Amino acid sequence: RRLGRKRIILLGGVLADNPRAIRYYQ
């Protein structure tokens, strides 16, 4: 936010078979 950004993108961010990580980000 301080840098004036509107969004954060996890490019290649999480493996589809990692439900704990997906849940954490959600």
mmCIF file of all heavy atoms, coordinates in Angstrom:
data_MODEL
# 
_entry.id   MODEL 
# 
loop_
_atom_site.group_PDB 
_atom_site.id 
_atom_site.type_symbol 
_atom_site.label_atom_id 
_atom_site.label_alt_id 
_atom_site.label_comp_id 
_atom_site.label_asym_id 
_atom_site.label_entity_id 
_atom_site.label_seq_id 
_atom_site.pdbx_PDB_ins_code 
_atom_site.Cartn_x 
_atom_site.Cartn_y 
_atom_site.Cartn_z 
_atom_site.occupancy 
_atom_site.B_iso_or_equiv 
_atom_site.pdbx_formal_charge 
_atom_site.auth_seq_id 
_atom_site.auth_comp_id 
_atom_site.auth_asym_id 
_atom_site.auth_atom_id 
_atom_site.pdbx_PDB_model_num 
ATOM 1   N N   . ARG A 1 1  ? 0.832  -1.215  0.000   1.00 0.00 ? 1  ARG A N   1 
ATOM 2   C CA  . ARG A 1 1  ? 0.000  0.000   0.000   1.00 0.00 ? 1  ARG A CA  1 
ATOM 3   C C   . ARG A 1 1  ? 0.862  1.260   0.000   1.00 0.00 ? 1  ARG A C   1 
ATOM 4   O O   . ARG A 1 1  ? 0.578  2.211   -0.727  1.00 0.00 ? 1  ARG A O   1 
ATOM 5   C CB  . ARG A 1 1  ? -0.916 0.014   1.219   1.00 0.00 ? 1  ARG A CB  1 
ATOM 6   C CG  . ARG A 1 1  ? -2.128 -0.837  1.060   1.00 0.00 ? 1  ARG A CG  1 
ATOM 7   C CD  . ARG A 1 1  ? -3.120 -0.544  2.186   1.00 0.00 ? 1  ARG A CD  1 
ATOM 8   N NE  . ARG A 1 1  ? -4.241 -1.430  2.091   1.00 0.00 ? 1  ARG A NE  1 
ATOM 9   C CZ  . ARG A 1 1  ? -4.376 -2.552  2.777   1.00 0.00 ? 1  ARG A CZ  1 
ATOM 10  N NH1 . ARG A 1 1  ? -3.454 -2.933  3.633   1.00 0.00 ? 1  ARG A NH1 1 
ATOM 11  N NH2 . ARG A 1 1  ? -5.432 -3.306  2.630   1.00 0.00 ? 1  ARG A NH2 1 
ATOM 12  N N   . ARG A 1 2  ? 1.911  1.275   0.847   1.00 0.00 ? 2  ARG A N   1 
ATOM 13  C CA  . ARG A 1 2  ? 2.785  2.453   0.899   1.00 0.00 ? 2  ARG A CA  1 
ATOM 14  C C   . ARG A 1 2  ? 3.463  2.710   -0.441  1.00 0.00 ? 2  ARG A C   1 
ATOM 15  O O   . ARG A 1 2  ? 3.772  3.858   -0.763  1.00 0.00 ? 2  ARG A O   1 
ATOM 16  C CB  . ARG A 1 2  ? 3.836  2.298   1.996   1.00 0.00 ? 2  ARG A CB  1 
ATOM 17  C CG  . ARG A 1 2  ? 3.270  2.639   3.366   1.00 0.00 ? 2  ARG A CG  1 
ATOM 18  C CD  . ARG A 1 2  ? 4.352  2.688   4.417   1.00 0.00 ? 2  ARG A CD  1 
ATOM 19  N NE  . ARG A 1 2  ? 4.144  1.526   5.271   1.00 0.00 ? 2  ARG A NE  1 
ATOM 20  C CZ  . ARG A 1 2  ? 5.071  0.697   5.702   1.00 0.00 ? 2  ARG A CZ  1 
ATOM 21  N NH1 . ARG A 1 2  ? 6.323  0.899   5.410   1.00 0.00 ? 2  ARG A NH1 1 
ATOM 22  N NH2 . ARG A 1 2  ? 4.759  -0.322  6.441   1.00 0.00 ? 2  ARG A NH2 1 
ATOM 23  N N   . LEU A 1 3  ? 3.662  1.665   -1.214  1.00 0.00 ? 3  LEU A N   1 
ATOM 24  C CA  . LEU A 1 3  ? 4.264  1.806   -2.532  1.00 0.00 ? 3  LEU A CA  1 
ATOM 25  C C   . LEU A 1 3  ? 3.219  2.110   -3.606  1.00 0.00 ? 3  LEU A C   1 
ATOM 26  O O   . LEU A 1 3  ? 3.540  2.179   -4.789  1.00 0.00 ? 3  LEU A O   1 
ATOM 27  C CB  . LEU A 1 3  ? 5.032  0.536   -2.901  1.00 0.00 ? 3  LEU A CB  1 
ATOM 28  C CG  . LEU A 1 3  ? 6.281  0.267   -2.059  1.00 0.00 ? 3  LEU A CG  1 
ATOM 29  C CD1 . LEU A 1 3  ? 6.848  -1.104  -2.368  1.00 0.00 ? 3  LEU A CD1 1 
ATOM 30  C CD2 . LEU A 1 3  ? 7.322  1.358   -2.276  1.00 0.00 ? 3  LEU A CD2 1 
ATOM 31  N N   . GLY A 1 4  ? 1.959  2.266   -3.172  1.00 0.00 ? 4  GLY A N   1 
ATOM 32  C CA  . GLY A 1 4  ? 0.889  2.626   -4.099  1.00 0.00 ? 4  GLY A CA  1 
ATOM 33  C C   . GLY A 1 4  ? 0.356  1.469   -4.921  1.00 0.00 ? 4  GLY A C   1 
ATOM 34  O O   . GLY A 1 4  ? -0.290 1.682   -5.945  1.00 0.00 ? 4  GLY A O   1 
ATOM 35  N N   . ARG A 1 5  ? 0.588  0.253   -4.487  1.00 0.00 ? 5  ARG A N   1 
ATOM 36  C CA  . ARG A 1 5  ? 0.121  -0.917  -5.230  1.00 0.00 ? 5  ARG A CA  1 
ATOM 37  C C   . ARG A 1 5  ? -1.339 -1.207  -4.909  1.00 0.00 ? 5  ARG A C   1 
ATOM 38  O O   . ARG A 1 5  ? -1.820 -0.928  -3.824  1.00 0.00 ? 5  ARG A O   1 
ATOM 39  C CB  . ARG A 1 5  ? 0.968  -2.144  -4.917  1.00 0.00 ? 5  ARG A CB  1 
ATOM 40  C CG  . ARG A 1 5  ? 2.442  -1.959  -5.193  1.00 0.00 ? 5  ARG A CG  1 
ATOM 41  C CD  . ARG A 1 5  ? 2.678  -1.620  -6.649  1.00 0.00 ? 5  ARG A CD  1 
ATOM 42  N NE  . ARG A 1 5  ? 4.089  -1.546  -6.946  1.00 0.00 ? 5  ARG A NE  1 
ATOM 43  C CZ  . ARG A 1 5  ? 4.693  -0.474  -7.418  1.00 0.00 ? 5  ARG A CZ  1 
ATOM 44  N NH1 . ARG A 1 5  ? 4.024  0.627   -7.641  1.00 0.00 ? 5  ARG A NH1 1 
ATOM 45  N NH2 . ARG A 1 5  ? 5.982  -0.501  -7.689  1.00 0.00 ? 5  ARG A NH2 1 
ATOM 46  N N   . LYS A 1 6  ? -2.027 -1.789  -5.873  1.00 0.00 ? 6  LYS A N   1 
ATOM 47  C CA  . LYS A 1 6  ? -3.453 -2.094  -5.742  1.00 0.00 ? 6  LYS A CA  1 
ATOM 48  C C   . LYS A 1 6  ? -3.703 -3.574  -5.457  1.00 0.00 ? 6  LYS A C   1 
ATOM 49  O O   . LYS A 1 6  ? -4.767 -3.951  -4.992  1.00 0.00 ? 6  LYS A O   1 
ATOM 50  C CB  . LYS A 1 6  ? -4.201 -1.725  -7.022  1.00 0.00 ? 6  LYS A CB  1 
ATOM 51  C CG  . LYS A 1 6  ? -4.037 -0.283  -7.410  1.00 0.00 ? 6  LYS A CG  1 
ATOM 52  C CD  . LYS A 1 6  ? -5.063 0.551   -6.756  1.00 0.00 ? 6  LYS A CD  1 
ATOM 53  C CE  . LYS A 1 6  ? -4.956 1.982   -7.282  1.00 0.00 ? 6  LYS A CE  1 
ATOM 54  N NZ  . LYS A 1 6  ? -5.419 2.928   -6.330  1.00 0.00 ? 6  LYS A NZ  1 
ATOM 55  N N   . ARG A 1 7  ? -2.715 -4.428  -5.788  1.00 0.00 ? 7  ARG A N   1 
ATOM 56  C CA  . ARG A 1 7  ? -2.918 -5.864  -5.592  1.00 0.00 ? 7  ARG A CA  1 
ATOM 57  C C   . ARG A 1 7  ? -1.584 -6.573  -5.434  1.00 0.00 ? 7  ARG A C   1 
ATOM 58  O O   . ARG A 1 7  ? -0.540 -6.063  -5.821  1.00 0.00 ? 7  ARG A O   1 
ATOM 59  C CB  . ARG A 1 7  ? -3.716 -6.472  -6.739  1.00 0.00 ? 7  ARG A CB  1 
ATOM 60  C CG  . ARG A 1 7  ? -3.027 -6.486  -8.069  1.00 0.00 ? 7  ARG A CG  1 
ATOM 61  C CD  . ARG A 1 7  ? -3.938 -6.844  -9.234  1.00 0.00 ? 7  ARG A CD  1 
ATOM 62  N NE  . ARG A 1 7  ? -5.072 -5.980  -9.389  1.00 0.00 ? 7  ARG A NE  1 
ATOM 63  C CZ  . ARG A 1 7  ? -5.058 -4.819  -10.043 1.00 0.00 ? 7  ARG A CZ  1 
ATOM 64  N NH1 . ARG A 1 7  ? -3.966 -4.397  -10.611 1.00 0.00 ? 7  ARG A NH1 1 
ATOM 65  N NH2 . ARG A 1 7  ? -6.135 -4.084  -10.129 1.00 0.00 ? 7  ARG A NH2 1 
ATOM 66  N N   . ILE A 1 8  ? -1.678 -7.763  -4.852  1.00 0.00 ? 8  ILE A N   1 
ATOM 67  C CA  . ILE A 1 8  ? -0.530 -8.657  -4.721  1.00 0.00 ? 8  ILE A CA  1 
ATOM 68  C C   . ILE A 1 8  ? -0.902 -9.932  -5.468  1.00 0.00 ? 8  ILE A C   1 
ATOM 69  O O   . ILE A 1 8  ? -1.977 -10.496 -5.259  1.00 0.00 ? 8  ILE A O   1 
ATOM 70  C CB  . ILE A 1 8  ? -0.221 -8.973  -3.247  1.00 0.00 ? 8  ILE A CB  1 
ATOM 71  C CG1 . ILE A 1 8  ? 0.178  -7.691  -2.511  1.00 0.00 ? 8  ILE A CG1 1 
ATOM 72  C CG2 . ILE A 1 8  ? 0.876  -10.030 -3.147  1.00 0.00 ? 8  ILE A CG2 1 
ATOM 73  C CD1 . ILE A 1 8  ? 0.325  -7.868  -1.013  1.00 0.00 ? 8  ILE A CD1 1 
ATOM 74  N N   . ILE A 1 9  ? -0.012 -10.371 -6.354  1.00 0.00 ? 9  ILE A N   1 
ATOM 75  C CA  . ILE A 1 9  ? -0.265 -11.558 -7.161  1.00 0.00 ? 9  ILE A CA  1 
ATOM 76  C C   . ILE A 1 9  ? 0.764  -12.631 -6.820  1.00 0.00 ? 9  ILE A C   1 
ATOM 77  O O   . ILE A 1 9  ? 1.960  -12.367 -6.808  1.00 0.00 ? 9  ILE A O   1 
ATOM 78  C CB  . ILE A 1 9  ? -0.191 -11.225 -8.667  1.00 0.00 ? 9  ILE A CB  1 
ATOM 79  C CG1 . ILE A 1 9  ? -1.210 -10.135 -9.012  1.00 0.00 ? 9  ILE A CG1 1 
ATOM 80  C CG2 . ILE A 1 9  ? -0.422 -12.483 -9.505  1.00 0.00 ? 9  ILE A CG2 1 
ATOM 81  C CD1 . ILE A 1 9  ? -1.075 -9.586  -10.410 1.00 0.00 ? 9  ILE A CD1 1 
ATOM 82  N N   . LEU A 1 10 ? 0.270  -13.837 -6.541  1.00 0.00 ? 10 LEU A N   1 
ATOM 83  C CA  . LEU A 1 10 ? 1.152  -14.975 -6.322  1.00 0.00 ? 10 LEU A CA  1 
ATOM 84  C C   . LEU A 1 10 ? 1.333  -15.682 -7.661  1.00 0.00 ? 10 LEU A C   1 
ATOM 85  O O   . LEU A 1 10 ? 0.587  -16.583 -8.014  1.00 0.00 ? 10 LEU A O   1 
ATOM 86  C CB  . LEU A 1 10 ? 0.536  -15.950 -5.320  1.00 0.00 ? 10 LEU A CB  1 
ATOM 87  C CG  . LEU A 1 10 ? 0.258  -15.455 -3.921  1.00 0.00 ? 10 LEU A CG  1 
ATOM 88  C CD1 . LEU A 1 10 ? -0.432 -16.545 -3.114  1.00 0.00 ? 10 LEU A CD1 1 
ATOM 89  C CD2 . LEU A 1 10 ? 1.534  -15.023 -3.248  1.00 0.00 ? 10 LEU A CD2 1 
ATOM 90  N N   . LEU A 1 11 ? 2.305  -15.252 -8.427  1.00 0.00 ? 11 LEU A N   1 
ATOM 91  C CA  . LEU A 1 11 ? 2.564  -15.888 -9.717  1.00 0.00 ? 11 LEU A CA  1 
ATOM 92  C C   . LEU A 1 11 ? 3.250  -17.220 -9.478  1.00 0.00 ? 11 LEU A C   1 
ATOM 93  O O   . LEU A 1 11 ? 4.322  -17.280 -8.898  1.00 0.00 ? 11 LEU A O   1 
ATOM 94  C CB  . LEU A 1 11 ? 3.434  -14.999 -10.598 1.00 0.00 ? 11 LEU A CB  1 
ATOM 95  C CG  . LEU A 1 11 ? 2.791  -13.696 -11.040 1.00 0.00 ? 11 LEU A CG  1 
ATOM 96  C CD1 . LEU A 1 11 ? 3.787  -12.833 -11.791 1.00 0.00 ? 11 LEU A CD1 1 
ATOM 97  C CD2 . LEU A 1 11 ? 1.588  -13.982 -11.908 1.00 0.00 ? 11 LEU A CD2 1 
ATOM 98  N N   . GLY A 1 12 ? 2.621  -18.289 -9.918  1.00 0.00 ? 12 GLY A N   1 
ATOM 99  C CA  . GLY A 1 12 ? 3.150  -19.621 -9.660  1.00 0.00 ? 12 GLY A CA  1 
ATOM 100 C C   . GLY A 1 12 ? 3.170  -19.917 -8.177  1.00 0.00 ? 12 GLY A C   1 
ATOM 101 O O   . GLY A 1 12 ? 3.953  -20.714 -7.692  1.00 0.00 ? 12 GLY A O   1 
ATOM 102 N N   . GLY A 1 13 ? 2.276  -19.252 -7.457  1.00 0.00 ? 13 GLY A N   1 
ATOM 103 C CA  . GLY A 1 13 ? 2.345  -19.170 -6.022  1.00 0.00 ? 13 GLY A CA  1 
ATOM 104 C C   . GLY A 1 13 ? 2.090  -20.402 -5.194  1.00 0.00 ? 13 GLY A C   1 
ATOM 105 O O   . GLY A 1 13 ? 2.760  -20.596 -4.202  1.00 0.00 ? 13 GLY A O   1 
ATOM 106 N N   . VAL A 1 14 ? 1.168  -21.259 -5.567  1.00 0.00 ? 14 VAL A N   1 
ATOM 107 C CA  . VAL A 1 14 ? 0.812  -22.365 -4.675  1.00 0.00 ? 14 VAL A CA  1 
ATOM 108 C C   . VAL A 1 14 ? 0.482  -23.614 -5.501  1.00 0.00 ? 14 VAL A C   1 
ATOM 109 O O   . VAL A 1 14 ? -0.184 -23.535 -6.528  1.00 0.00 ? 14 VAL A O   1 
ATOM 110 C CB  . VAL A 1 14 ? -0.358 -21.968 -3.733  1.00 0.00 ? 14 VAL A CB  1 
ATOM 111 C CG1 . VAL A 1 14 ? -1.622 -21.686 -4.476  1.00 0.00 ? 14 VAL A CG1 1 
ATOM 112 C CG2 . VAL A 1 14 ? -0.591 -23.000 -2.669  1.00 0.00 ? 14 VAL A CG2 1 
ATOM 113 N N   . LEU A 1 15 ? 0.994  -24.738 -5.046  1.00 0.00 ? 15 LEU A N   1 
ATOM 114 C CA  . LEU A 1 15 ? 0.693  -25.996 -5.722  1.00 0.00 ? 15 LEU A CA  1 
ATOM 115 C C   . LEU A 1 15 ? -0.769 -26.363 -5.505  1.00 0.00 ? 15 LEU A C   1 
ATOM 116 O O   . LEU A 1 15 ? -1.291 -26.248 -4.396  1.00 0.00 ? 15 LEU A O   1 
ATOM 117 C CB  . LEU A 1 15 ? 1.597  -27.111 -5.199  1.00 0.00 ? 15 LEU A CB  1 
ATOM 118 C CG  . LEU A 1 15 ? 3.089  -26.929 -5.464  1.00 0.00 ? 15 LEU A CG  1 
ATOM 119 C CD1 . LEU A 1 15 ? 3.880  -28.045 -4.803  1.00 0.00 ? 15 LEU A CD1 1 
ATOM 120 C CD2 . LEU A 1 15 ? 3.374  -26.867 -6.951  1.00 0.00 ? 15 LEU A CD2 1 
ATOM 121 N N   . ALA A 1 16 ? -1.421 -26.826 -6.553  1.00 0.00 ? 16 ALA A N   1 
ATOM 122 C CA  . ALA A 1 16 ? -2.844 -27.154 -6.484  1.00 0.00 ? 16 ALA A CA  1 
ATOM 123 C C   . ALA A 1 16 ? -3.135 -28.282 -5.504  1.00 0.00 ? 16 ALA A C   1 
ATOM 124 O O   . ALA A 1 16 ? -4.243 -28.380 -4.983  1.00 0.00 ? 16 ALA A O   1 
ATOM 125 C CB  . ALA A 1 16 ? -3.367 -27.514 -7.875  1.00 0.00 ? 16 ALA A CB  1 
ATOM 126 N N   . ASP A 1 17 ? -2.144 -29.131 -5.230  1.00 0.00 ? 17 ASP A N   1 
ATOM 127 C CA  . ASP A 1 17 ? -2.369 -30.233 -4.300  1.00 0.00 ? 17 ASP A CA  1 
ATOM 128 C C   . ASP A 1 17 ? -1.909 -29.904 -2.877  1.00 0.00 ? 17 ASP A C   1 
ATOM 129 O O   . ASP A 1 17 ? -1.602 -30.793 -2.095  1.00 0.00 ? 17 ASP A O   1 
ATOM 130 C CB  . ASP A 1 17 ? -1.698 -31.517 -4.804  1.00 0.00 ? 17 ASP A CB  1 
ATOM 131 C CG  . ASP A 1 17 ? -0.181 -31.420 -4.846  1.00 0.00 ? 17 ASP A CG  1 
ATOM 132 O OD1 . ASP A 1 17 ? 0.357  -30.327 -4.608  1.00 0.00 ? 17 ASP A OD1 1 
ATOM 133 O OD2 . ASP A 1 17 ? 0.472  -32.442 -5.124  1.00 0.00 ? 17 ASP A OD2 1 
ATOM 134 N N   . ASN A 1 18 ? -1.906 -28.619 -2.543  1.00 0.00 ? 18 ASN A N   1 
ATOM 135 C CA  . ASN A 1 18 ? -1.530 -28.171 -1.208  1.00 0.00 ? 18 ASN A CA  1 
ATOM 136 C C   . ASN A 1 18 ? -2.716 -27.420 -0.581  1.00 0.00 ? 18 ASN A C   1 
ATOM 137 O O   . ASN A 1 18 ? -2.737 -26.185 -0.526  1.00 0.00 ? 18 ASN A O   1 
ATOM 138 C CB  . ASN A 1 18 ? -0.296 -27.265 -1.273  1.00 0.00 ? 18 ASN A CB  1 
ATOM 139 C CG  . ASN A 1 18 ? 0.260  -26.927 0.083   1.00 0.00 ? 18 ASN A CG  1 
ATOM 140 O OD1 . ASN A 1 18 ? -0.392 -27.122 1.095   1.00 0.00 ? 18 ASN A OD1 1 
ATOM 141 N ND2 . ASN A 1 18 ? 1.461  -26.392 0.104   1.00 0.00 ? 18 ASN A ND2 1 
ATOM 142 N N   . PRO A 1 19 ? -3.722 -28.161 -0.101  1.00 0.00 ? 19 PRO A N   1 
ATOM 143 C CA  . PRO A 1 19 ? -4.933 -27.511 0.407   1.00 0.00 ? 19 PRO A CA  1 
ATOM 144 C C   . PRO A 1 19 ? -4.690 -26.602 1.608   1.00 0.00 ? 19 PRO A C   1 
ATOM 145 O O   . PRO A 1 19 ? -5.394 -25.607 1.781   1.00 0.00 ? 19 PRO A O   1 
ATOM 146 C CB  . PRO A 1 19 ? -5.856 -28.670 0.768   1.00 0.00 ? 19 PRO A CB  1 
ATOM 147 C CG  . PRO A 1 19 ? -4.975 -29.862 0.903   1.00 0.00 ? 19 PRO A CG  1 
ATOM 148 C CD  . PRO A 1 19 ? -3.796 -29.627 -0.007  1.00 0.00 ? 19 PRO A CD  1 
ATOM 149 N N   . ARG A 1 20 ? -3.710 -26.923 2.443   1.00 0.00 ? 20 ARG A N   1 
ATOM 150 C CA  . ARG A 1 20 ? -3.428 -26.052 3.602   1.00 0.00 ? 20 ARG A CA  1 
ATOM 151 C C   . ARG A 1 20 ? -2.961 -24.674 3.136   1.00 0.00 ? 20 ARG A C   1 
ATOM 152 O O   . ARG A 1 20 ? -3.383 -23.652 3.693   1.00 0.00 ? 20 ARG A O   1 
ATOM 153 C CB  . ARG A 1 20 ? -2.373 -26.684 4.497   1.00 0.00 ? 20 ARG A CB  1 
ATOM 154 C CG  . ARG A 1 20 ? -2.915 -27.828 5.320   1.00 0.00 ? 20 ARG A CG  1 
ATOM 155 C CD  . ARG A 1 20 ? -1.886 -28.385 6.261   1.00 0.00 ? 20 ARG A CD  1 
ATOM 156 N NE  . ARG A 1 20 ? -1.583 -27.407 7.299   1.00 0.00 ? 20 ARG A NE  1 
ATOM 157 C CZ  . ARG A 1 20 ? -0.556 -27.502 8.129   1.00 0.00 ? 20 ARG A CZ  1 
ATOM 158 N NH1 . ARG A 1 20 ? 0.278  -28.510 8.050   1.00 0.00 ? 20 ARG A NH1 1 
ATOM 159 N NH2 . ARG A 1 20 ? -0.358 -26.591 9.044   1.00 0.00 ? 20 ARG A NH2 1 
ATOM 160 N N   . ALA A 1 21 ? -2.094 -24.623 2.149   1.00 0.00 ? 21 ALA A N   1 
ATOM 161 C CA  . ALA A 1 21 ? -1.606 -23.341 1.642   1.00 0.00 ? 21 ALA A CA  1 
ATOM 162 C C   . ALA A 1 21 ? -2.733 -22.566 0.959   1.00 0.00 ? 21 ALA A C   1 
ATOM 163 O O   . ALA A 1 21 ? -2.875 -21.357 1.164   1.00 0.00 ? 21 ALA A O   1 
ATOM 164 C CB  . ALA A 1 21 ? -0.438 -23.548 0.679   1.00 0.00 ? 21 ALA A CB  1 
ATOM 165 N N   . ILE A 1 22 ? -3.522 -23.260 0.167   1.00 0.00 ? 22 ILE A N   1 
ATOM 166 C CA  . ILE A 1 22 ? -4.649 -22.603 -0.516  1.00 0.00 ? 22 ILE A CA  1 
ATOM 167 C C   . ILE A 1 22 ? -5.599 -22.002 0.504   1.00 0.00 ? 22 ILE A C   1 
ATOM 168 O O   . ILE A 1 22 ? -6.014 -20.845 0.391   1.00 0.00 ? 22 ILE A O   1 
ATOM 169 C CB  . ILE A 1 22 ? -5.379 -23.602 -1.435  1.00 0.00 ? 22 ILE A CB  1 
ATOM 170 C CG1 . ILE A 1 22 ? -4.438 -24.041 -2.571  1.00 0.00 ? 22 ILE A CG1 1 
ATOM 171 C CG2 . ILE A 1 22 ? -6.664 -22.998 -1.994  1.00 0.00 ? 22 ILE A CG2 1 
ATOM 172 C CD1 . ILE A 1 22 ? -4.925 -25.253 -3.338  1.00 0.00 ? 22 ILE A CD1 1 
ATOM 173 N N   . ARG A 1 23 ? -5.928 -22.778 1.536   1.00 0.00 ? 23 ARG A N   1 
ATOM 174 C CA  . ARG A 1 23 ? -6.827 -22.294 2.589   1.00 0.00 ? 23 ARG A CA  1 
ATOM 175 C C   . ARG A 1 23 ? -6.224 -21.085 3.307   1.00 0.00 ? 23 ARG A C   1 
ATOM 176 O O   . ARG A 1 23 ? -6.912 -20.115 3.607   1.00 0.00 ? 23 ARG A O   1 
ATOM 177 C CB  . ARG A 1 23 ? -7.118 -23.437 3.568   1.00 0.00 ? 23 ARG A CB  1 
ATOM 178 C CG  . ARG A 1 23 ? -8.308 -23.221 4.440   1.00 0.00 ? 23 ARG A CG  1 
ATOM 179 C CD  . ARG A 1 23 ? -8.767 -24.471 5.191   1.00 0.00 ? 23 ARG A CD  1 
ATOM 180 N NE  . ARG A 1 23 ? -7.722 -25.401 5.600   1.00 0.00 ? 23 ARG A NE  1 
ATOM 181 C CZ  . ARG A 1 23 ? -7.460 -26.572 5.001   1.00 0.00 ? 23 ARG A CZ  1 
ATOM 182 N NH1 . ARG A 1 23 ? -8.160 -26.947 3.957   1.00 0.00 ? 23 ARG A NH1 1 
ATOM 183 N NH2 . ARG A 1 23 ? -6.495 -27.347 5.444   1.00 0.00 ? 23 ARG A NH2 1 
ATOM 184 N N   . TYR A 1 24 ? -4.925 -21.143 3.587   1.00 0.00 ? 24 TYR A N   1 
ATOM 185 C CA  . TYR A 1 24 ? -4.244 -20.023 4.246   1.00 0.00 ? 24 TYR A CA  1 
ATOM 186 C C   . TYR A 1 24 ? -4.393 -18.739 3.421   1.00 0.00 ? 24 TYR A C   1 
ATOM 187 O O   . TYR A 1 24 ? -4.778 -17.693 3.947   1.00 0.00 ? 24 TYR A O   1 
ATOM 188 C CB  . TYR A 1 24 ? -2.760 -20.340 4.448   1.00 0.00 ? 24 TYR A CB  1 
ATOM 189 C CG  . TYR A 1 24 ? -1.960 -19.152 4.903   1.00 0.00 ? 24 TYR A CG  1 
ATOM 190 C CD1 . TYR A 1 24 ? -1.918 -18.790 6.241   1.00 0.00 ? 24 TYR A CD1 1 
ATOM 191 C CD2 . TYR A 1 24 ? -1.268 -18.362 3.985   1.00 0.00 ? 24 TYR A CD2 1 
ATOM 192 C CE1 . TYR A 1 24 ? -1.206 -17.685 6.662   1.00 0.00 ? 24 TYR A CE1 1 
ATOM 193 C CE2 . TYR A 1 24 ? -0.551 -17.254 4.403   1.00 0.00 ? 24 TYR A CE2 1 
ATOM 194 C CZ  . TYR A 1 24 ? -0.522 -16.926 5.738   1.00 0.00 ? 24 TYR A CZ  1 
ATOM 195 O OH  . TYR A 1 24 ? 0.178  -15.825 6.139   1.00 0.00 ? 24 TYR A OH  1 
ATOM 196 N N   . TYR A 1 25 ? -4.079 -18.822 2.138   1.00 0.00 ? 25 TYR A N   1 
ATOM 197 C CA  . TYR A 1 25 ? -4.184 -17.629 1.295   1.00 0.00 ? 25 TYR A CA  1 
ATOM 198 C C   . TYR A 1 25 ? -5.620 -17.144 1.192   1.00 0.00 ? 25 TYR A C   1 
ATOM 199 O O   . TYR A 1 25 ? -5.886 -15.941 1.253   1.00 0.00 ? 25 TYR A O   1 
ATOM 200 C CB  . TYR A 1 25 ? -3.593 -17.890 -0.091  1.00 0.00 ? 25 TYR A CB  1 
ATOM 201 C CG  . TYR A 1 25 ? -2.084 -17.942 -0.077  1.00 0.00 ? 25 TYR A CG  1 
ATOM 202 C CD1 . TYR A 1 25 ? -1.396 -19.099 -0.387  1.00 0.00 ? 25 TYR A CD1 1 
ATOM 203 C CD2 . TYR A 1 25 ? -1.334 -16.815 0.268   1.00 0.00 ? 25 TYR A CD2 1 
ATOM 204 C CE1 . TYR A 1 25 ? -0.013 -19.149 -0.368  1.00 0.00 ? 25 TYR A CE1 1 
ATOM 205 C CE2 . TYR A 1 25 ? 0.056  -16.854 0.303   1.00 0.00 ? 25 TYR A CE2 1 
ATOM 206 C CZ  . TYR A 1 25 ? 0.700  -18.023 -0.017  1.00 0.00 ? 25 TYR A CZ  1 
ATOM 207 O OH  . TYR A 1 25 ? 2.073  -18.058 0.010   1.00 0.00 ? 25 TYR A OH  1 
ATOM 208 N N   . GLN A 1 26 ? -6.575 -18.058 1.046   1.00 0.00 ? 26 GLN A N   1 
ATOM 209 C CA  . GLN A 1 26 ? -7.979 -17.651 0.962   1.00 0.00 ? 26 GLN A CA  1 
ATOM 210 C C   . GLN A 1 26 ? -8.428 -16.981 2.250   1.00 0.00 ? 26 GLN A C   1 
ATOM 211 O O   . GLN A 1 26 ? -9.151 -15.978 2.204   1.00 0.00 ? 26 GLN A O   1 
ATOM 212 C CB  . GLN A 1 26 ? -8.862 -18.849 0.631   1.00 0.00 ? 26 GLN A CB  1 
ATOM 213 C CG  . GLN A 1 26 ? -8.693 -19.322 -0.788  1.00 0.00 ? 26 GLN A CG  1 
ATOM 214 C CD  . GLN A 1 26 ? -9.448 -20.591 -1.088  1.00 0.00 ? 26 GLN A CD  1 
ATOM 215 O OE1 . GLN A 1 26 ? -9.659 -21.437 -0.214  1.00 0.00 ? 26 GLN A OE1 1 
ATOM 216 N NE2 . GLN A 1 26 ? -9.858 -20.740 -2.340  1.00 0.00 ? 26 GLN A NE2 1 
# 
